[in-house]
Each structure stands twice: as C-alpha cells, then as structure tokens.
Amino acid sequence: MAPADTRKEGSAYDLSLAICILAASGMLPTDELDQYIMMGELSLDGNLERVKGVLPMAINARDDGFKGIILPKQNAEEVGVISGLEVYGLENMRQVVSFLGNRYNPKPFKVDLERIFHRQTNHFGSDFSEVKGQSRAKRALEIAASGSHNLIILYMV
C-alpha cells in the first residue's frame, strides 16, 4: 500500500483490501472502483464494523474529487454532514460487492441537519424567565454564552 513510508495501523483498511483482492482476481468489476473511498473493519462473518477517523478521510475524498465513500453503517451519520460526497453506509461485505457490481442500489445517506439542530436547540429544561430580578447576573450570563466564554459567579452572603 503506497506510500510505503507512511505507517498504516488498525483495521480501517480491511474493506478496501478485500475489495482490491476481489477486483484483482476478476471477481468484481473495476469500472467504478476509482470513484469511491472505502473504509471499514471486516468481522469474520463479513459484517462491517465501525472505524475511527472517517470524517477527515471523507473530507479529503471530497476535496480530491471522489464521487463517494463506502463505509460501515455505524459511521454514516458522522460523514453524512459533508456536502458534495455520496455516503453509503452498508452493513456487510455482500452489500458492498452487490453495490459495486450494480446489483444493489441504496440511496446515499443524508443527515437532516435541520431536524437534528431543532431537536437539540429547542428543548431547554429551564430558562431565564424563571429567574426573578438578578438583571446583572442574567446579563453577564448572556454575554458569556454569546461569546462561548466561561463565567464565575461568586455568591457573597
């Protein structure tokens, strides 16, 4: 695996190596292989397992002009936020081979950012409407929060 002087460790290359072996032996068409980046750990039963470091790899894939990325289903949401790159989160080696052989056509994974942000930003347990008075303390908290700053409030009796 080139470049030889770059250290490679972990199991993230299991899927790409297995696909290369199948393509080199003529068991898999090679028409679209150069359009996809593939990452994933292969378990002994052929299932794809989650790997670390997929987000930077996906960003580089997009910047290098790749059409898409094929990775474990568990990693799809992490990479689905990148625009301009088709993300295919698949479950096992059989799905990957079927996809590359044009016998399985899953839809690219897309993250619904609006739904995620709405879910996370509009559910507060409490807010300043419950605080009576303390206008200076509330103002200090608002300013600190708007600038992502820390704040220490000392309470003196």
N, C-alpha and C. Protein backbone atom coordinates (compact mmCIF):
# COMPACT_ATOMS: atom_id res chain seq x y z
N MET A 1 0.85 -1.18 0.00
CA MET A 1 0.00 0.00 0.00
C MET A 1 0.89 1.24 0.00
N ALA A 2 0.74 2.01 -1.04
CA ALA A 2 1.57 3.19 -1.20
C ALA A 2 0.97 4.36 -0.43
N PRO A 3 1.76 5.24 0.04
CA PRO A 3 3.22 5.23 0.05
C PRO A 3 3.74 4.32 1.17
N ALA A 4 4.81 3.65 0.88
CA ALA A 4 5.34 2.66 1.81
C ALA A 4 5.90 3.28 3.07
N ASP A 5 6.34 4.51 3.00
CA ASP A 5 6.94 5.13 4.19
C ASP A 5 5.90 5.71 5.16
N THR A 6 4.61 5.66 4.81
CA THR A 6 3.55 6.11 5.70
C THR A 6 3.05 4.93 6.51
N ARG A 7 3.07 5.09 7.82
CA ARG A 7 2.66 4.00 8.69
C ARG A 7 1.15 3.80 8.62
N LYS A 8 0.75 2.56 8.51
CA LYS A 8 -0.66 2.21 8.46
C LYS A 8 -0.94 1.23 9.59
N GLU A 9 -1.91 1.58 10.41
CA GLU A 9 -2.24 0.69 11.51
C GLU A 9 -3.74 0.65 11.70
N GLY A 10 -4.21 -0.36 12.40
CA GLY A 10 -5.63 -0.51 12.65
C GLY A 10 -6.31 -1.33 11.57
N SER A 11 -7.61 -1.43 11.71
CA SER A 11 -8.37 -2.30 10.82
C SER A 11 -9.22 -1.53 9.82
N ALA A 12 -9.01 -0.24 9.69
CA ALA A 12 -9.84 0.59 8.80
C ALA A 12 -9.67 0.22 7.33
N TYR A 13 -8.57 -0.43 6.98
CA TYR A 13 -8.31 -0.78 5.58
C TYR A 13 -8.81 -2.17 5.20
N ASP A 14 -9.44 -2.89 6.12
CA ASP A 14 -9.91 -4.25 5.83
C ASP A 14 -10.80 -4.30 4.60
N LEU A 15 -11.79 -3.43 4.55
CA LEU A 15 -12.74 -3.43 3.44
C LEU A 15 -12.06 -3.11 2.12
N SER A 16 -11.25 -2.07 2.09
CA SER A 16 -10.61 -1.69 0.82
C SER A 16 -9.67 -2.78 0.33
N LEU A 17 -8.95 -3.43 1.23
CA LEU A 17 -8.06 -4.52 0.82
C LEU A 17 -8.84 -5.70 0.28
N ALA A 18 -9.94 -6.06 0.93
CA ALA A 18 -10.76 -7.18 0.46
C ALA A 18 -11.34 -6.89 -0.93
N ILE A 19 -11.81 -5.67 -1.14
CA ILE A 19 -12.37 -5.29 -2.44
C ILE A 19 -11.28 -5.33 -3.52
N CYS A 20 -10.08 -4.86 -3.18
CA CYS A 20 -8.98 -4.90 -4.15
C CYS A 20 -8.61 -6.32 -4.54
N ILE A 21 -8.64 -7.22 -3.58
CA ILE A 21 -8.34 -8.63 -3.87
C ILE A 21 -9.40 -9.21 -4.80
N LEU A 22 -10.66 -8.92 -4.53
CA LEU A 22 -11.75 -9.40 -5.40
C LEU A 22 -11.63 -8.82 -6.81
N ALA A 23 -11.30 -7.55 -6.92
CA ALA A 23 -11.17 -6.91 -8.23
C ALA A 23 -9.97 -7.45 -8.98
N ALA A 24 -8.85 -7.65 -8.29
CA ALA A 24 -7.64 -8.16 -8.95
C ALA A 24 -7.82 -9.59 -9.43
N SER A 25 -8.66 -10.35 -8.75
CA SER A 25 -8.88 -11.74 -9.16
C SER A 25 -9.99 -11.85 -10.20
N GLY A 26 -10.57 -10.72 -10.62
CA GLY A 26 -11.60 -10.73 -11.66
C GLY A 26 -12.99 -11.07 -11.16
N MET A 27 -13.18 -11.12 -9.86
CA MET A 27 -14.48 -11.47 -9.30
C MET A 27 -15.39 -10.26 -9.11
N LEU A 28 -14.86 -9.07 -9.37
CA LEU A 28 -15.62 -7.84 -9.16
C LEU A 28 -15.27 -6.87 -10.28
N PRO A 29 -16.27 -6.22 -10.89
CA PRO A 29 -15.96 -5.25 -11.93
C PRO A 29 -15.18 -4.06 -11.36
N THR A 30 -14.30 -3.52 -12.17
CA THR A 30 -13.45 -2.43 -11.70
C THR A 30 -13.83 -1.08 -12.29
N ASP A 31 -14.98 -1.01 -12.96
CA ASP A 31 -15.40 0.21 -13.65
C ASP A 31 -15.46 1.42 -12.72
N GLU A 32 -16.04 1.28 -11.55
CA GLU A 32 -16.28 2.42 -10.68
C GLU A 32 -15.42 2.42 -9.41
N LEU A 33 -14.49 1.51 -9.30
CA LEU A 33 -13.70 1.43 -8.07
C LEU A 33 -12.91 2.69 -7.78
N ASP A 34 -12.45 3.36 -8.82
CA ASP A 34 -11.63 4.56 -8.61
C ASP A 34 -12.47 5.79 -8.24
N GLN A 35 -13.80 5.65 -8.16
CA GLN A 35 -14.67 6.76 -7.81
C GLN A 35 -15.03 6.79 -6.33
N TYR A 36 -14.66 5.72 -5.59
CA TYR A 36 -15.08 5.60 -4.20
C TYR A 36 -13.89 5.37 -3.27
N ILE A 37 -13.99 5.95 -2.10
CA ILE A 37 -13.08 5.65 -1.00
C ILE A 37 -13.81 4.62 -0.14
N MET A 38 -13.11 3.61 0.34
CA MET A 38 -13.74 2.58 1.17
C MET A 38 -12.98 2.43 2.47
N MET A 39 -13.72 2.40 3.56
CA MET A 39 -13.14 2.19 4.88
C MET A 39 -14.05 1.28 5.68
N GLY A 40 -13.46 0.43 6.49
CA GLY A 40 -14.27 -0.41 7.35
C GLY A 40 -13.51 -1.63 7.82
N GLU A 41 -13.82 -2.04 9.03
CA GLU A 41 -13.25 -3.27 9.58
C GLU A 41 -14.18 -4.41 9.22
N LEU A 42 -13.60 -5.51 8.76
CA LEU A 42 -14.38 -6.70 8.43
C LEU A 42 -14.32 -7.69 9.57
N SER A 43 -15.49 -8.10 10.05
CA SER A 43 -15.51 -9.15 11.05
C SER A 43 -15.43 -10.49 10.31
N LEU A 44 -15.25 -11.57 11.05
CA LEU A 44 -15.08 -12.88 10.43
C LEU A 44 -16.33 -13.34 9.67
N ASP A 45 -17.50 -12.83 10.03
CA ASP A 45 -18.72 -13.20 9.31
C ASP A 45 -19.05 -12.26 8.15
N GLY A 46 -18.17 -11.30 7.85
CA GLY A 46 -18.36 -10.41 6.72
C GLY A 46 -19.07 -9.12 7.04
N ASN A 47 -19.45 -8.92 8.30
CA ASN A 47 -20.09 -7.66 8.67
C ASN A 47 -19.07 -6.54 8.77
N LEU A 48 -19.51 -5.33 8.47
CA LEU A 48 -18.65 -4.16 8.59
C LEU A 48 -18.79 -3.56 9.98
N GLU A 49 -17.67 -3.29 10.60
CA GLU A 49 -17.65 -2.73 11.95
C GLU A 49 -17.16 -1.29 11.90
N ARG A 50 -17.63 -0.50 12.83
CA ARG A 50 -17.29 0.93 12.95
C ARG A 50 -15.77 1.12 13.05
N VAL A 51 -15.28 2.18 12.42
CA VAL A 51 -13.86 2.54 12.48
C VAL A 51 -13.73 4.00 12.87
N LYS A 52 -12.56 4.35 13.35
CA LYS A 52 -12.28 5.73 13.74
C LYS A 52 -11.63 6.48 12.58
N GLY A 53 -11.78 7.80 12.58
CA GLY A 53 -11.08 8.64 11.62
C GLY A 53 -11.72 8.79 10.26
N VAL A 54 -13.03 8.53 10.15
CA VAL A 54 -13.67 8.59 8.83
C VAL A 54 -13.96 10.02 8.37
N LEU A 55 -14.19 10.93 9.31
CA LEU A 55 -14.53 12.30 8.90
C LEU A 55 -13.39 12.99 8.14
N PRO A 56 -12.15 12.99 8.64
CA PRO A 56 -11.08 13.60 7.86
C PRO A 56 -10.84 12.89 6.53
N MET A 57 -11.01 11.57 6.51
CA MET A 57 -10.84 10.81 5.27
C MET A 57 -11.91 11.22 4.26
N ALA A 58 -13.13 11.40 4.72
CA ALA A 58 -14.22 11.80 3.82
C ALA A 58 -14.02 13.22 3.28
N ILE A 59 -13.55 14.11 4.12
CA ILE A 59 -13.29 15.48 3.66
C ILE A 59 -12.21 15.49 2.59
N ASN A 60 -11.15 14.70 2.79
CA ASN A 60 -10.10 14.59 1.78
C ASN A 60 -10.62 13.94 0.50
N ALA A 61 -11.49 12.96 0.64
CA ALA A 61 -12.07 12.29 -0.53
C ALA A 61 -12.86 13.29 -1.37
N ARG A 62 -13.66 14.10 -0.71
CA ARG A 62 -14.43 15.13 -1.43
C ARG A 62 -13.50 16.12 -2.12
N ASP A 63 -12.49 16.58 -1.38
CA ASP A 63 -11.56 17.57 -1.93
C ASP A 63 -10.74 17.00 -3.10
N ASP A 64 -10.52 15.69 -3.09
CA ASP A 64 -9.76 15.05 -4.17
C ASP A 64 -10.64 14.64 -5.35
N GLY A 65 -11.94 14.92 -5.29
CA GLY A 65 -12.82 14.69 -6.42
C GLY A 65 -13.47 13.32 -6.48
N PHE A 66 -13.47 12.57 -5.39
CA PHE A 66 -14.13 11.27 -5.39
C PHE A 66 -15.64 11.45 -5.40
N LYS A 67 -16.33 10.50 -6.00
CA LYS A 67 -17.79 10.55 -6.09
C LYS A 67 -18.43 10.23 -4.74
N GLY A 68 -17.87 9.26 -4.02
CA GLY A 68 -18.49 8.85 -2.77
C GLY A 68 -17.57 8.09 -1.86
N ILE A 69 -18.12 7.71 -0.72
CA ILE A 69 -17.39 6.92 0.27
C ILE A 69 -18.29 5.77 0.71
N ILE A 70 -17.68 4.61 0.83
CA ILE A 70 -18.38 3.41 1.30
C ILE A 70 -17.78 3.06 2.65
N LEU A 71 -18.65 2.94 3.64
CA LEU A 71 -18.17 2.69 4.99
C LEU A 71 -19.24 1.97 5.81
N PRO A 72 -18.91 1.55 7.03
CA PRO A 72 -19.91 0.88 7.86
C PRO A 72 -21.10 1.78 8.16
N LYS A 73 -22.25 1.18 8.28
CA LYS A 73 -23.49 1.92 8.54
C LYS A 73 -23.37 2.76 9.81
N GLN A 74 -22.61 2.27 10.80
CA GLN A 74 -22.47 2.99 12.06
C GLN A 74 -21.71 4.31 11.89
N ASN A 75 -20.92 4.44 10.83
CA ASN A 75 -20.16 5.67 10.58
C ASN A 75 -20.87 6.65 9.64
N ALA A 76 -21.98 6.24 9.05
CA ALA A 76 -22.63 7.05 8.01
C ALA A 76 -23.10 8.40 8.52
N GLU A 77 -23.66 8.47 9.72
CA GLU A 77 -24.17 9.74 10.22
C GLU A 77 -23.04 10.74 10.45
N GLU A 78 -21.89 10.25 10.88
CA GLU A 78 -20.73 11.12 11.11
C GLU A 78 -20.28 11.81 9.83
N VAL A 79 -20.32 11.09 8.71
CA VAL A 79 -19.83 11.59 7.44
C VAL A 79 -20.93 12.22 6.61
N GLY A 80 -22.19 11.92 6.93
CA GLY A 80 -23.32 12.40 6.14
C GLY A 80 -23.49 13.90 6.12
N VAL A 81 -22.79 14.62 6.97
CA VAL A 81 -22.90 16.08 7.01
C VAL A 81 -22.07 16.75 5.93
N ILE A 82 -21.23 16.01 5.24
CA ILE A 82 -20.35 16.58 4.21
C ILE A 82 -21.12 16.70 2.90
N SER A 83 -21.17 17.89 2.36
CA SER A 83 -21.85 18.08 1.08
C SER A 83 -20.88 17.77 -0.06
N GLY A 84 -21.44 17.36 -1.18
CA GLY A 84 -20.62 17.09 -2.36
C GLY A 84 -19.99 15.71 -2.36
N LEU A 85 -20.45 14.81 -1.49
CA LEU A 85 -19.91 13.45 -1.41
C LEU A 85 -21.05 12.50 -1.10
N GLU A 86 -21.21 11.47 -1.94
CA GLU A 86 -22.24 10.47 -1.68
C GLU A 86 -21.72 9.53 -0.59
N VAL A 87 -22.53 9.33 0.43
CA VAL A 87 -22.14 8.50 1.57
C VAL A 87 -23.00 7.24 1.57
N TYR A 88 -22.35 6.09 1.51
CA TYR A 88 -23.05 4.81 1.53
C TYR A 88 -22.64 4.05 2.78
N GLY A 89 -23.55 3.99 3.74
CA GLY A 89 -23.33 3.23 4.96
C GLY A 89 -23.91 1.84 4.77
N LEU A 90 -23.05 0.86 4.63
CA LEU A 90 -23.50 -0.50 4.35
C LEU A 90 -23.20 -1.41 5.55
N GLU A 91 -23.89 -2.55 5.60
CA GLU A 91 -23.81 -3.42 6.76
C GLU A 91 -22.80 -4.54 6.63
N ASN A 92 -22.59 -5.05 5.42
CA ASN A 92 -21.72 -6.21 5.28
C ASN A 92 -21.04 -6.24 3.91
N MET A 93 -20.13 -7.17 3.76
CA MET A 93 -19.36 -7.32 2.53
C MET A 93 -20.26 -7.66 1.34
N ARG A 94 -21.29 -8.44 1.57
CA ARG A 94 -22.22 -8.81 0.49
C ARG A 94 -22.87 -7.58 -0.11
N GLN A 95 -23.29 -6.63 0.72
CA GLN A 95 -23.89 -5.40 0.22
C GLN A 95 -22.88 -4.57 -0.57
N VAL A 96 -21.64 -4.51 -0.11
CA VAL A 96 -20.61 -3.74 -0.81
C VAL A 96 -20.36 -4.33 -2.19
N VAL A 97 -20.20 -5.64 -2.26
CA VAL A 97 -19.94 -6.31 -3.54
C VAL A 97 -21.14 -6.14 -4.47
N SER A 98 -22.35 -6.27 -3.95
CA SER A 98 -23.55 -6.08 -4.77
C SER A 98 -23.66 -4.64 -5.27
N PHE A 99 -23.32 -3.69 -4.41
CA PHE A 99 -23.36 -2.28 -4.80
C PHE A 99 -22.35 -2.00 -5.91
N LEU A 100 -21.13 -2.46 -5.75
CA LEU A 100 -20.10 -2.23 -6.76
C LEU A 100 -20.37 -3.00 -8.05
N GLY A 101 -21.11 -4.10 -7.95
CA GLY A 101 -21.49 -4.88 -9.14
C GLY A 101 -22.80 -4.42 -9.75
N ASN A 102 -23.35 -3.30 -9.28
CA ASN A 102 -24.60 -2.72 -9.78
C ASN A 102 -25.81 -3.63 -9.61
N ARG A 103 -25.79 -4.45 -8.55
CA ARG A 103 -26.94 -5.31 -8.26
C ARG A 103 -27.70 -4.83 -7.02
N TYR A 104 -27.20 -3.80 -6.37
CA TYR A 104 -27.82 -3.24 -5.17
C TYR A 104 -27.65 -1.73 -5.24
N ASN A 105 -28.75 -1.01 -5.17
CA ASN A 105 -28.71 0.44 -5.35
C ASN A 105 -29.31 1.17 -4.15
N PRO A 106 -28.55 1.26 -3.06
CA PRO A 106 -29.07 2.01 -1.91
C PRO A 106 -29.00 3.50 -2.19
N LYS A 107 -29.84 4.24 -1.50
CA LYS A 107 -29.78 5.70 -1.62
C LYS A 107 -28.63 6.20 -0.76
N PRO A 108 -27.94 7.23 -1.23
CA PRO A 108 -26.88 7.82 -0.40
C PRO A 108 -27.45 8.34 0.91
N PHE A 109 -26.69 8.16 1.97
CA PHE A 109 -27.11 8.60 3.30
C PHE A 109 -27.03 10.11 3.39
N LYS A 110 -28.06 10.72 3.90
CA LYS A 110 -28.09 12.17 4.11
C LYS A 110 -28.50 12.45 5.55
N VAL A 111 -27.83 13.38 6.17
CA VAL A 111 -28.17 13.79 7.52
C VAL A 111 -29.11 14.98 7.42
N ASP A 112 -30.22 14.91 8.13
CA ASP A 112 -31.17 16.01 8.18
C ASP A 112 -30.73 16.96 9.28
N LEU A 113 -29.85 17.91 8.93
CA LEU A 113 -29.28 18.82 9.92
C LEU A 113 -30.35 19.68 10.58
N GLU A 114 -31.34 20.08 9.83
CA GLU A 114 -32.40 20.92 10.41
C GLU A 114 -33.12 20.18 11.53
N ARG A 115 -33.43 18.92 11.32
CA ARG A 115 -34.11 18.12 12.35
C ARG A 115 -33.21 17.94 13.57
N ILE A 116 -31.94 17.67 13.35
CA ILE A 116 -31.01 17.47 14.46
C ILE A 116 -30.85 18.74 15.27
N PHE A 117 -30.62 19.87 14.60
CA PHE A 117 -30.45 21.12 15.31
C PHE A 117 -31.73 21.54 16.02
N HIS A 118 -32.87 21.33 15.38
CA HIS A 118 -34.14 21.67 16.01
C HIS A 118 -34.35 20.83 17.25
N ARG A 119 -34.04 19.56 17.17
CA ARG A 119 -34.21 18.65 18.31
C ARG A 119 -33.30 19.06 19.46
N GLN A 120 -32.08 19.49 19.15
CA GLN A 120 -31.12 19.80 20.19
C GLN A 120 -31.23 21.22 20.73
N THR A 121 -31.71 22.15 19.93
CA THR A 121 -31.68 23.55 20.36
C THR A 121 -32.98 24.05 20.95
N ASN A 122 -34.07 23.38 20.73
CA ASN A 122 -35.34 23.91 21.19
C ASN A 122 -35.92 23.19 22.40
N HIS A 123 -35.12 22.46 23.11
CA HIS A 123 -35.61 21.74 24.29
C HIS A 123 -34.73 22.10 25.48
N PHE A 124 -35.18 23.09 26.22
CA PHE A 124 -34.45 23.53 27.39
C PHE A 124 -35.26 23.19 28.63
N GLY A 125 -34.59 22.73 29.65
CA GLY A 125 -35.27 22.40 30.90
C GLY A 125 -35.74 23.64 31.64
N SER A 126 -34.98 24.70 31.55
CA SER A 126 -35.36 25.94 32.21
C SER A 126 -34.70 27.10 31.47
N ASP A 127 -35.18 28.30 31.73
CA ASP A 127 -34.59 29.48 31.09
C ASP A 127 -34.67 30.67 32.05
N PHE A 128 -34.23 31.82 31.58
CA PHE A 128 -34.15 32.99 32.45
C PHE A 128 -35.52 33.55 32.83
N SER A 129 -36.58 33.12 32.19
CA SER A 129 -37.90 33.64 32.55
C SER A 129 -38.29 33.20 33.96
N GLU A 130 -37.65 32.16 34.47
CA GLU A 130 -37.94 31.66 35.81
C GLU A 130 -37.16 32.40 36.88
N VAL A 131 -36.17 33.22 36.47
CA VAL A 131 -35.34 33.95 37.43
C VAL A 131 -35.95 35.34 37.63
N LYS A 132 -36.25 35.67 38.87
CA LYS A 132 -36.83 36.98 39.19
C LYS A 132 -35.71 37.90 39.66
N GLY A 133 -35.63 39.09 39.07
CA GLY A 133 -34.58 40.02 39.44
C GLY A 133 -33.24 39.58 38.86
N GLN A 134 -32.16 39.88 39.55
CA GLN A 134 -30.80 39.47 39.17
C GLN A 134 -30.45 39.89 37.74
N SER A 135 -30.83 41.11 37.36
CA SER A 135 -30.61 41.56 35.98
C SER A 135 -29.13 41.58 35.60
N ARG A 136 -28.26 41.97 36.51
CA ARG A 136 -26.82 42.00 36.20
C ARG A 136 -26.27 40.59 35.98
N ALA A 137 -26.67 39.66 36.82
CA ALA A 137 -26.20 38.28 36.68
C ALA A 137 -26.71 37.67 35.37
N LYS A 138 -27.97 37.92 35.02
CA LYS A 138 -28.52 37.40 33.78
C LYS A 138 -27.80 38.01 32.57
N ARG A 139 -27.54 39.30 32.63
CA ARG A 139 -26.83 39.99 31.54
C ARG A 139 -25.42 39.41 31.38
N ALA A 140 -24.71 39.18 32.48
CA ALA A 140 -23.37 38.60 32.44
C ALA A 140 -23.40 37.20 31.83
N LEU A 141 -24.39 36.40 32.19
CA LEU A 141 -24.52 35.06 31.63
C LEU A 141 -24.81 35.10 30.13
N GLU A 142 -25.66 36.02 29.69
CA GLU A 142 -25.98 36.14 28.27
C GLU A 142 -24.75 36.54 27.46
N ILE A 143 -23.99 37.49 27.97
CA ILE A 143 -22.78 37.93 27.26
C ILE A 143 -21.76 36.80 27.19
N ALA A 144 -21.57 36.10 28.31
CA ALA A 144 -20.61 34.99 28.33
C ALA A 144 -21.03 33.88 27.36
N ALA A 145 -22.32 33.54 27.36
CA ALA A 145 -22.81 32.48 26.48
C ALA A 145 -22.70 32.86 25.01
N SER A 146 -22.98 34.12 24.67
CA SER A 146 -22.92 34.53 23.27
C SER A 146 -21.51 34.47 22.71
N GLY A 147 -20.51 34.64 23.57
CA GLY A 147 -19.12 34.58 23.11
C GLY A 147 -18.44 33.27 23.43
N SER A 148 -19.19 32.28 23.90
CA SER A 148 -18.65 30.97 24.32
C SER A 148 -17.55 31.13 25.36
N HIS A 149 -17.79 32.02 26.31
CA HIS A 149 -16.81 32.27 27.38
C HIS A 149 -17.24 31.58 28.66
N ASN A 150 -16.28 31.39 29.54
CA ASN A 150 -16.56 30.87 30.87
C ASN A 150 -16.95 32.03 31.78
N LEU A 151 -17.59 31.69 32.88
CA LEU A 151 -18.02 32.71 33.82
C LEU A 151 -18.00 32.15 35.22
N ILE A 152 -17.48 32.91 36.14
CA ILE A 152 -17.52 32.52 37.55
C ILE A 152 -18.40 33.53 38.26
N ILE A 153 -19.41 33.05 38.94
CA ILE A 153 -20.27 33.91 39.73
C ILE A 153 -20.02 33.60 41.20
N LEU A 154 -19.60 34.59 41.93
CA LEU A 154 -19.38 34.42 43.36
C LEU A 154 -20.60 34.90 44.11
N TYR A 155 -21.02 34.12 45.03
CA TYR A 155 -22.19 34.48 45.84
C TYR A 155 -21.69 34.81 47.23
N MET A 156 -21.88 36.06 47.63
CA MET A 156 -21.43 36.51 48.95
C MET A 156 -22.65 36.72 49.84
N VAL A 157 -22.57 36.21 51.03
CA VAL A 157 -23.67 36.38 52.00
C VAL A 157 -23.36 37.53 52.92
